[in-house]
Amino acid sequence: MLKEFFGAIWRRLPPSVRYPLTRIGQKRFTVTTAAVILNDEGQILLLEHVFRPDSGWGIPGGFLANREQPEEGVRREVREETGIELADVRLLFARNLGRLRQVEIYFRARPVGVPRPCSFEIKRAEWFDLESLPSDLSRDQIQLIDRALSQSEKS
């Protein structure tokens, strides 16, 4: 009986009220995007980030804005951080970092333009040969790059 009562109330609520109520109690995740960007020489673009733990070096990317699609987000982040546009953007994979309550979406792309630090968050933007990555590049970043390159070869 109580169930029917609350069901009747629920059905009378406008959708603008029902949707936020359905989110109560659900775990929420932040979503980030990143891109493995390779130039015509086969070099990878890495950025030295101010806020990145470990060495600071890593692939470009960042958090999605509200209602932003992943590809839009990665294009925006790369543009904000380096001033370049992306061509041939391809979705590679996603991973869930449950401990951080974060979902990361990875792309591969080619650069259009010359990268330069365009944000206070970025110290340097440099191209690296895949055999000559920064010695203090984190193990996680190396694994992500390897995974992205192996995924690219499959497609």
N, C-alpha and C. Protein backbone atom coordinates (compact mmCIF):
# COMPACT_ATOMS: atom_id res chain seq x y z
N MET A 1 0.82 -1.19 0.00
CA MET A 1 0.00 0.00 0.00
C MET A 1 0.87 1.26 0.00
N LEU A 2 1.89 1.27 0.86
CA LEU A 2 2.80 2.41 0.93
C LEU A 2 3.54 2.58 -0.40
N LYS A 3 3.88 1.45 -1.00
CA LYS A 3 4.58 1.46 -2.28
C LYS A 3 3.73 2.14 -3.36
N GLU A 4 2.44 1.81 -3.40
CA GLU A 4 1.54 2.42 -4.39
C GLU A 4 1.38 3.92 -4.13
N PHE A 5 1.34 4.29 -2.87
CA PHE A 5 1.20 5.69 -2.49
C PHE A 5 2.39 6.51 -3.00
N PHE A 6 3.61 6.02 -2.72
CA PHE A 6 4.80 6.74 -3.17
C PHE A 6 4.93 6.69 -4.68
N GLY A 7 4.49 5.60 -5.29
CA GLY A 7 4.51 5.50 -6.75
C GLY A 7 3.61 6.56 -7.38
N ALA A 8 2.44 6.77 -6.79
CA ALA A 8 1.51 7.78 -7.31
C ALA A 8 2.11 9.18 -7.18
N ILE A 9 2.76 9.44 -6.05
CA ILE A 9 3.41 10.75 -5.86
C ILE A 9 4.53 10.92 -6.88
N TRP A 10 5.33 9.86 -7.03
CA TRP A 10 6.46 9.91 -7.96
C TRP A 10 5.99 10.25 -9.38
N ARG A 11 4.91 9.61 -9.82
CA ARG A 11 4.42 9.84 -11.18
C ARG A 11 3.89 11.25 -11.37
N ARG A 12 3.49 11.90 -10.31
CA ARG A 12 2.98 13.27 -10.41
C ARG A 12 4.09 14.32 -10.38
N LEU A 13 5.28 13.93 -9.96
CA LEU A 13 6.39 14.87 -9.93
C LEU A 13 6.84 15.19 -11.35
N PRO A 14 7.21 16.43 -11.61
CA PRO A 14 7.71 16.76 -12.95
C PRO A 14 9.07 16.08 -13.17
N PRO A 15 9.39 15.76 -14.42
CA PRO A 15 10.69 15.12 -14.72
C PRO A 15 11.89 15.91 -14.19
N SER A 16 11.78 17.23 -14.16
CA SER A 16 12.90 18.04 -13.68
C SER A 16 13.18 17.81 -12.20
N VAL A 17 12.21 17.25 -11.48
CA VAL A 17 12.40 16.91 -10.07
C VAL A 17 12.77 15.43 -9.93
N ARG A 18 12.14 14.58 -10.74
CA ARG A 18 12.39 13.14 -10.64
C ARG A 18 13.84 12.77 -10.93
N TYR A 19 14.41 13.34 -11.99
CA TYR A 19 15.77 12.95 -12.38
C TYR A 19 16.79 13.23 -11.26
N PRO A 20 16.83 14.45 -10.70
CA PRO A 20 17.81 14.67 -9.61
C PRO A 20 17.58 13.73 -8.42
N LEU A 21 16.35 13.38 -8.16
CA LEU A 21 16.08 12.47 -7.05
C LEU A 21 16.62 11.07 -7.32
N THR A 22 16.65 10.66 -8.58
CA THR A 22 17.19 9.33 -8.90
C THR A 22 18.69 9.28 -8.69
N ARG A 23 19.34 10.43 -8.71
CA ARG A 23 20.80 10.48 -8.54
C ARG A 23 21.21 10.39 -7.07
N ILE A 24 20.28 10.61 -6.16
CA ILE A 24 20.61 10.54 -4.74
C ILE A 24 20.99 9.10 -4.40
N GLY A 25 22.11 8.95 -3.76
CA GLY A 25 22.56 7.62 -3.37
C GLY A 25 23.36 6.89 -4.43
N GLN A 26 23.38 7.39 -5.65
CA GLN A 26 24.20 6.75 -6.68
C GLN A 26 25.62 7.26 -6.56
N LYS A 27 26.57 6.38 -6.80
CA LYS A 27 27.96 6.79 -6.81
C LYS A 27 28.21 7.58 -8.09
N ARG A 28 28.92 8.65 -7.93
CA ARG A 28 29.24 9.48 -9.09
C ARG A 28 30.72 9.40 -9.39
N PHE A 29 31.03 9.51 -10.65
CA PHE A 29 32.40 9.46 -11.11
C PHE A 29 32.73 10.75 -11.84
N THR A 30 33.96 11.18 -11.75
CA THR A 30 34.43 12.22 -12.64
C THR A 30 34.90 11.53 -13.90
N VAL A 31 34.90 12.26 -15.00
CA VAL A 31 35.30 11.69 -16.28
C VAL A 31 36.39 12.57 -16.87
N THR A 32 37.47 11.92 -17.30
CA THR A 32 38.55 12.64 -17.97
C THR A 32 38.77 12.04 -19.35
N THR A 33 39.40 12.84 -20.20
CA THR A 33 39.81 12.36 -21.52
C THR A 33 41.29 12.68 -21.69
N ALA A 34 41.95 11.91 -22.51
CA ALA A 34 43.36 12.15 -22.81
C ALA A 34 43.64 11.66 -24.22
N ALA A 35 44.71 12.19 -24.81
CA ALA A 35 45.05 11.81 -26.18
C ALA A 35 46.51 11.46 -26.30
N VAL A 36 46.77 10.35 -26.97
CA VAL A 36 48.11 9.99 -27.40
C VAL A 36 48.23 10.62 -28.78
N ILE A 37 49.07 11.64 -28.87
CA ILE A 37 49.21 12.42 -30.10
C ILE A 37 50.57 12.11 -30.71
N LEU A 38 50.54 11.60 -31.94
CA LEU A 38 51.77 11.24 -32.65
C LEU A 38 51.92 12.12 -33.88
N ASN A 39 53.13 12.66 -34.07
CA ASN A 39 53.39 13.48 -35.26
C ASN A 39 53.81 12.59 -36.42
N ASP A 40 54.12 13.20 -37.56
CA ASP A 40 54.47 12.44 -38.77
C ASP A 40 55.78 11.67 -38.62
N GLU A 41 56.61 12.06 -37.67
CA GLU A 41 57.87 11.37 -37.41
C GLU A 41 57.70 10.22 -36.42
N GLY A 42 56.47 9.99 -35.95
CA GLY A 42 56.21 8.92 -35.00
C GLY A 42 56.56 9.28 -33.57
N GLN A 43 56.77 10.57 -33.30
CA GLN A 43 57.06 11.02 -31.94
C GLN A 43 55.76 11.30 -31.20
N ILE A 44 55.82 11.16 -29.88
CA ILE A 44 54.64 11.39 -29.04
C ILE A 44 54.77 12.73 -28.32
N LEU A 45 53.65 13.42 -28.21
CA LEU A 45 53.61 14.69 -27.48
C LEU A 45 53.39 14.42 -26.00
N LEU A 46 54.29 14.90 -25.18
CA LEU A 46 54.13 14.83 -23.73
C LEU A 46 54.20 16.23 -23.16
N LEU A 47 53.44 16.42 -22.10
CA LEU A 47 53.42 17.71 -21.43
C LEU A 47 53.97 17.57 -20.03
N GLU A 48 54.71 18.56 -19.59
CA GLU A 48 55.14 18.60 -18.20
C GLU A 48 54.11 19.46 -17.47
N HIS A 49 53.31 18.78 -16.65
CA HIS A 49 52.21 19.42 -15.93
C HIS A 49 52.67 19.93 -14.57
N VAL A 50 52.14 21.04 -14.17
CA VAL A 50 52.43 21.60 -12.85
C VAL A 50 51.85 20.71 -11.76
N PHE A 51 50.63 20.22 -11.96
CA PHE A 51 49.91 19.51 -10.90
C PHE A 51 50.01 17.99 -10.97
N ARG A 52 50.69 17.44 -11.95
CA ARG A 52 50.77 15.97 -12.08
C ARG A 52 51.74 15.43 -11.05
N PRO A 53 51.33 14.39 -10.33
CA PRO A 53 52.26 13.79 -9.37
C PRO A 53 53.44 13.13 -10.10
N ASP A 54 54.42 12.71 -9.38
CA ASP A 54 55.63 12.08 -9.92
C ASP A 54 56.45 13.12 -10.68
N SER A 55 56.84 12.79 -11.90
CA SER A 55 57.75 13.65 -12.64
C SER A 55 57.06 14.88 -13.23
N GLY A 56 55.76 14.79 -13.43
CA GLY A 56 55.04 15.87 -14.08
C GLY A 56 54.75 15.60 -15.55
N TRP A 57 55.53 14.69 -16.17
CA TRP A 57 55.33 14.39 -17.59
C TRP A 57 54.14 13.46 -17.79
N GLY A 58 53.39 13.72 -18.86
CA GLY A 58 52.28 12.86 -19.19
C GLY A 58 51.61 13.28 -20.49
N ILE A 59 50.68 12.46 -20.93
CA ILE A 59 49.96 12.78 -22.16
C ILE A 59 48.93 13.87 -21.86
N PRO A 60 48.57 14.66 -22.87
CA PRO A 60 47.62 15.75 -22.64
C PRO A 60 46.21 15.24 -22.38
N GLY A 61 45.48 16.00 -21.58
CA GLY A 61 44.09 15.66 -21.29
C GLY A 61 43.60 16.38 -20.07
N GLY A 62 42.37 16.07 -19.69
CA GLY A 62 41.79 16.70 -18.51
C GLY A 62 40.34 16.31 -18.33
N PHE A 63 39.69 17.00 -17.42
CA PHE A 63 38.31 16.70 -17.04
C PHE A 63 37.31 17.19 -18.07
N LEU A 64 36.26 16.41 -18.26
CA LEU A 64 35.15 16.85 -19.11
C LEU A 64 34.35 17.93 -18.40
N ALA A 65 33.87 18.87 -19.18
CA ALA A 65 32.95 19.88 -18.66
C ALA A 65 31.55 19.28 -18.64
N ASN A 66 30.66 19.90 -17.91
CA ASN A 66 29.28 19.45 -17.82
C ASN A 66 28.66 19.38 -19.21
N ARG A 67 28.07 18.24 -19.54
CA ARG A 67 27.37 17.99 -20.81
C ARG A 67 28.29 17.95 -22.03
N GLU A 68 29.59 17.86 -21.82
CA GLU A 68 30.53 17.81 -22.92
C GLU A 68 30.75 16.36 -23.35
N GLN A 69 30.78 16.14 -24.65
CA GLN A 69 31.06 14.81 -25.17
C GLN A 69 32.56 14.54 -25.09
N PRO A 70 32.97 13.28 -24.92
CA PRO A 70 34.39 12.98 -24.75
C PRO A 70 35.31 13.54 -25.84
N GLU A 71 34.95 13.37 -27.10
CA GLU A 71 35.83 13.88 -28.15
C GLU A 71 35.91 15.40 -28.10
N GLU A 72 34.80 16.06 -27.85
CA GLU A 72 34.82 17.52 -27.69
C GLU A 72 35.76 17.91 -26.55
N GLY A 73 35.68 17.16 -25.46
CA GLY A 73 36.48 17.46 -24.28
C GLY A 73 37.97 17.30 -24.52
N VAL A 74 38.36 16.24 -25.21
CA VAL A 74 39.78 16.04 -25.45
C VAL A 74 40.30 17.11 -26.41
N ARG A 75 39.50 17.47 -27.40
CA ARG A 75 39.91 18.54 -28.32
C ARG A 75 40.08 19.86 -27.56
N ARG A 76 39.13 20.18 -26.68
CA ARG A 76 39.21 21.42 -25.90
C ARG A 76 40.42 21.42 -24.99
N GLU A 77 40.62 20.31 -24.26
CA GLU A 77 41.76 20.25 -23.32
C GLU A 77 43.09 20.43 -24.05
N VAL A 78 43.27 19.74 -25.17
CA VAL A 78 44.52 19.84 -25.92
C VAL A 78 44.70 21.27 -26.44
N ARG A 79 43.64 21.87 -26.93
CA ARG A 79 43.71 23.24 -27.42
C ARG A 79 44.09 24.20 -26.28
N GLU A 80 43.44 24.04 -25.11
CA GLU A 80 43.73 24.92 -23.97
C GLU A 80 45.15 24.74 -23.46
N GLU A 81 45.65 23.51 -23.48
CA GLU A 81 46.97 23.23 -22.91
C GLU A 81 48.11 23.53 -23.88
N THR A 82 47.87 23.32 -25.20
CA THR A 82 48.98 23.40 -26.16
C THR A 82 48.74 24.33 -27.35
N GLY A 83 47.51 24.77 -27.56
CA GLY A 83 47.20 25.63 -28.69
C GLY A 83 47.03 24.91 -30.01
N ILE A 84 47.13 23.58 -30.03
CA ILE A 84 46.97 22.85 -31.30
C ILE A 84 45.56 22.28 -31.43
N GLU A 85 45.21 21.96 -32.65
CA GLU A 85 43.97 21.25 -32.94
C GLU A 85 44.33 19.79 -33.18
N LEU A 86 43.33 18.93 -33.20
CA LEU A 86 43.55 17.51 -33.43
C LEU A 86 42.89 17.06 -34.72
N ALA A 87 43.57 16.16 -35.41
CA ALA A 87 43.03 15.53 -36.62
C ALA A 87 43.00 14.02 -36.41
N ASP A 88 42.17 13.34 -37.17
CA ASP A 88 42.08 11.87 -37.11
C ASP A 88 41.93 11.35 -35.69
N VAL A 89 41.02 11.93 -34.94
CA VAL A 89 40.79 11.53 -33.55
C VAL A 89 40.06 10.18 -33.54
N ARG A 90 40.64 9.21 -32.82
CA ARG A 90 40.03 7.88 -32.72
C ARG A 90 39.96 7.44 -31.27
N LEU A 91 38.81 6.95 -30.90
CA LEU A 91 38.62 6.40 -29.56
C LEU A 91 39.41 5.10 -29.44
N LEU A 92 40.17 4.97 -28.35
CA LEU A 92 40.96 3.76 -28.15
C LEU A 92 40.39 2.86 -27.06
N PHE A 93 40.26 3.38 -25.85
CA PHE A 93 39.78 2.57 -24.72
C PHE A 93 39.41 3.49 -23.58
N ALA A 94 38.76 2.90 -22.59
CA ALA A 94 38.42 3.61 -21.35
C ALA A 94 38.85 2.74 -20.19
N ARG A 95 39.11 3.36 -19.07
CA ARG A 95 39.41 2.59 -17.87
C ARG A 95 38.76 3.26 -16.68
N ASN A 96 38.45 2.44 -15.68
CA ASN A 96 37.79 2.89 -14.47
C ASN A 96 38.80 2.87 -13.34
N LEU A 97 39.03 4.01 -12.73
CA LEU A 97 39.89 4.09 -11.56
C LEU A 97 38.98 4.16 -10.34
N GLY A 98 38.48 2.99 -9.94
CA GLY A 98 37.49 2.91 -8.88
C GLY A 98 37.88 3.60 -7.60
N ARG A 99 39.15 3.45 -7.22
CA ARG A 99 39.61 4.06 -5.97
C ARG A 99 39.45 5.59 -6.02
N LEU A 100 39.69 6.17 -7.18
CA LEU A 100 39.56 7.62 -7.35
C LEU A 100 38.17 8.03 -7.81
N ARG A 101 37.31 7.02 -8.07
CA ARG A 101 35.98 7.28 -8.60
C ARG A 101 36.06 8.13 -9.87
N GLN A 102 36.89 7.64 -10.80
CA GLN A 102 37.15 8.37 -12.03
C GLN A 102 37.15 7.41 -13.21
N VAL A 103 36.56 7.84 -14.31
CA VAL A 103 36.59 7.10 -15.56
C VAL A 103 37.44 7.92 -16.52
N GLU A 104 38.39 7.25 -17.17
CA GLU A 104 39.28 7.91 -18.12
C GLU A 104 39.02 7.35 -19.52
N ILE A 105 38.92 8.25 -20.50
CA ILE A 105 38.66 7.86 -21.89
C ILE A 105 39.86 8.31 -22.72
N TYR A 106 40.44 7.36 -23.46
CA TYR A 106 41.66 7.63 -24.22
C TYR A 106 41.42 7.62 -25.72
N PHE A 107 42.09 8.57 -26.38
CA PHE A 107 42.00 8.74 -27.83
C PHE A 107 43.41 8.72 -28.41
N ARG A 108 43.46 8.54 -29.72
CA ARG A 108 44.70 8.74 -30.48
C ARG A 108 44.39 9.79 -31.53
N ALA A 109 45.38 10.65 -31.81
CA ALA A 109 45.15 11.72 -32.77
C ALA A 109 46.46 12.18 -33.38
N ARG A 110 46.33 13.00 -34.41
CA ARG A 110 47.48 13.66 -35.03
C ARG A 110 47.36 15.16 -34.73
N PRO A 111 48.50 15.85 -34.63
CA PRO A 111 48.46 17.28 -34.32
C PRO A 111 48.26 18.14 -35.56
N VAL A 112 47.62 19.27 -35.36
CA VAL A 112 47.53 20.31 -36.39
C VAL A 112 48.05 21.57 -35.71
N GLY A 113 49.27 21.95 -36.07
CA GLY A 113 49.89 23.11 -35.45
C GLY A 113 51.10 22.70 -34.62
N VAL A 114 51.74 23.70 -34.05
CA VAL A 114 52.94 23.49 -33.24
C VAL A 114 52.56 23.67 -31.77
N PRO A 115 52.76 22.62 -30.94
CA PRO A 115 52.37 22.74 -29.54
C PRO A 115 53.29 23.66 -28.75
N ARG A 116 52.67 24.41 -27.85
CA ARG A 116 53.40 25.27 -26.92
C ARG A 116 52.56 25.37 -25.66
N PRO A 117 53.17 25.55 -24.52
CA PRO A 117 52.38 25.69 -23.29
C PRO A 117 51.47 26.92 -23.39
N CYS A 118 50.19 26.70 -23.17
CA CYS A 118 49.21 27.79 -23.26
C CYS A 118 48.42 27.96 -21.97
N SER A 119 48.79 27.24 -20.94
CA SER A 119 48.05 27.26 -19.69
C SER A 119 49.05 27.32 -18.55
N PHE A 120 48.64 27.93 -17.46
CA PHE A 120 49.50 27.97 -16.29
C PHE A 120 49.79 26.57 -15.75
N GLU A 121 48.98 25.59 -16.14
CA GLU A 121 49.16 24.21 -15.69
C GLU A 121 50.31 23.49 -16.39
N ILE A 122 50.77 24.04 -17.52
CA ILE A 122 51.74 23.34 -18.36
C ILE A 122 53.08 24.09 -18.36
N LYS A 123 54.13 23.36 -17.97
CA LYS A 123 55.48 23.93 -17.99
C LYS A 123 56.11 23.82 -19.38
N ARG A 124 56.01 22.61 -19.96
CA ARG A 124 56.63 22.36 -21.26
C ARG A 124 55.77 21.41 -22.09
N ALA A 125 55.87 21.55 -23.41
CA ALA A 125 55.24 20.64 -24.37
C ALA A 125 56.34 20.21 -25.33
N GLU A 126 56.65 18.91 -25.34
CA GLU A 126 57.77 18.43 -26.15
C GLU A 126 57.41 17.12 -26.86
N TRP A 127 58.07 16.92 -28.01
CA TRP A 127 57.95 15.67 -28.76
C TRP A 127 59.07 14.73 -28.32
N PHE A 128 58.71 13.45 -28.15
CA PHE A 128 59.68 12.44 -27.74
C PHE A 128 59.61 11.25 -28.68
N ASP A 129 60.79 10.71 -29.02
CA ASP A 129 60.82 9.42 -29.70
C ASP A 129 60.29 8.38 -28.73
N LEU A 130 59.59 7.38 -29.23
CA LEU A 130 59.02 6.36 -28.36
C LEU A 130 60.09 5.58 -27.61
N GLU A 131 61.30 5.54 -28.14
CA GLU A 131 62.40 4.84 -27.48
C GLU A 131 63.14 5.76 -26.51
N SER A 132 62.80 7.04 -26.47
CA SER A 132 63.52 8.01 -25.64
C SER A 132 62.56 8.84 -24.78
N LEU A 133 61.65 8.18 -24.13
CA LEU A 133 60.71 8.89 -23.26
C LEU A 133 61.45 9.41 -22.03
N PRO A 134 60.93 10.42 -21.35
CA PRO A 134 61.62 10.93 -20.16
C PRO A 134 61.88 9.80 -19.17
N SER A 135 63.05 9.78 -18.60
CA SER A 135 63.43 8.69 -17.70
C SER A 135 62.56 8.64 -16.45
N ASP A 136 62.00 9.77 -16.06
CA ASP A 136 61.16 9.79 -14.87
C ASP A 136 59.66 9.76 -15.19
N LEU A 137 59.31 9.39 -16.44
CA LEU A 137 57.91 9.22 -16.81
C LEU A 137 57.33 8.09 -15.96
N SER A 138 56.16 8.31 -15.39
CA SER A 138 55.59 7.31 -14.47
C SER A 138 55.29 6.00 -15.21
N ARG A 139 55.34 4.94 -14.44
CA ARG A 139 55.03 3.60 -14.97
C ARG A 139 53.62 3.57 -15.56
N ASP A 140 52.68 4.23 -14.89
CA ASP A 140 51.30 4.28 -15.37
C ASP A 140 51.22 4.94 -16.74
N GLN A 141 51.92 6.06 -16.93
CA GLN A 141 51.90 6.75 -18.22
C GLN A 141 52.53 5.88 -19.31
N ILE A 142 53.61 5.19 -18.98
CA ILE A 142 54.24 4.29 -19.96
C ILE A 142 53.28 3.18 -20.36
N GLN A 143 52.59 2.60 -19.38
CA GLN A 143 51.63 1.54 -19.68
C GLN A 143 50.47 2.05 -20.53
N LEU A 144 50.01 3.26 -20.25
CA LEU A 144 48.93 3.85 -21.06
C LEU A 144 49.38 4.07 -22.50
N ILE A 145 50.59 4.58 -22.66
CA ILE A 145 51.12 4.81 -24.01
C ILE A 145 51.25 3.47 -24.75
N ASP A 146 51.82 2.47 -24.09
CA ASP A 146 51.95 1.14 -24.71
C ASP A 146 50.59 0.58 -25.10
N ARG A 147 49.63 0.70 -24.21
CA ARG A 147 48.28 0.18 -24.50
C ARG A 147 47.67 0.92 -25.68
N ALA A 148 47.81 2.24 -25.70
CA ALA A 148 47.25 3.04 -26.79
C ALA A 148 47.88 2.66 -28.12
N LEU A 149 49.20 2.47 -28.13
CA LEU A 149 49.87 2.11 -29.38
C LEU A 149 49.48 0.71 -29.84
N SER A 150 49.34 -0.23 -28.91
CA SER A 150 48.93 -1.58 -29.30
C SER A 150 47.48 -1.60 -29.77
N GLN A 151 46.63 -0.78 -29.16
CA GLN A 151 45.22 -0.68 -29.61
C GLN A 151 45.16 -0.09 -31.01
N SER A 152 46.03 0.90 -31.28
CA SER A 152 46.04 1.55 -32.59
C SER A 152 46.43 0.58 -33.68
N GLU A 153 47.37 -0.31 -33.37
CA GLU A 153 47.83 -1.28 -34.37
C GLU A 153 46.74 -2.27 -34.73
N LYS A 154 45.84 -2.56 -33.80
CA LYS A 154 44.75 -3.51 -34.03
C LYS A 154 43.67 -2.93 -34.93
N SER A 155 43.52 -1.59 -34.91
CA SER A 155 42.43 -0.99 -35.69
C SER A 155 42.87 -0.56 -37.06
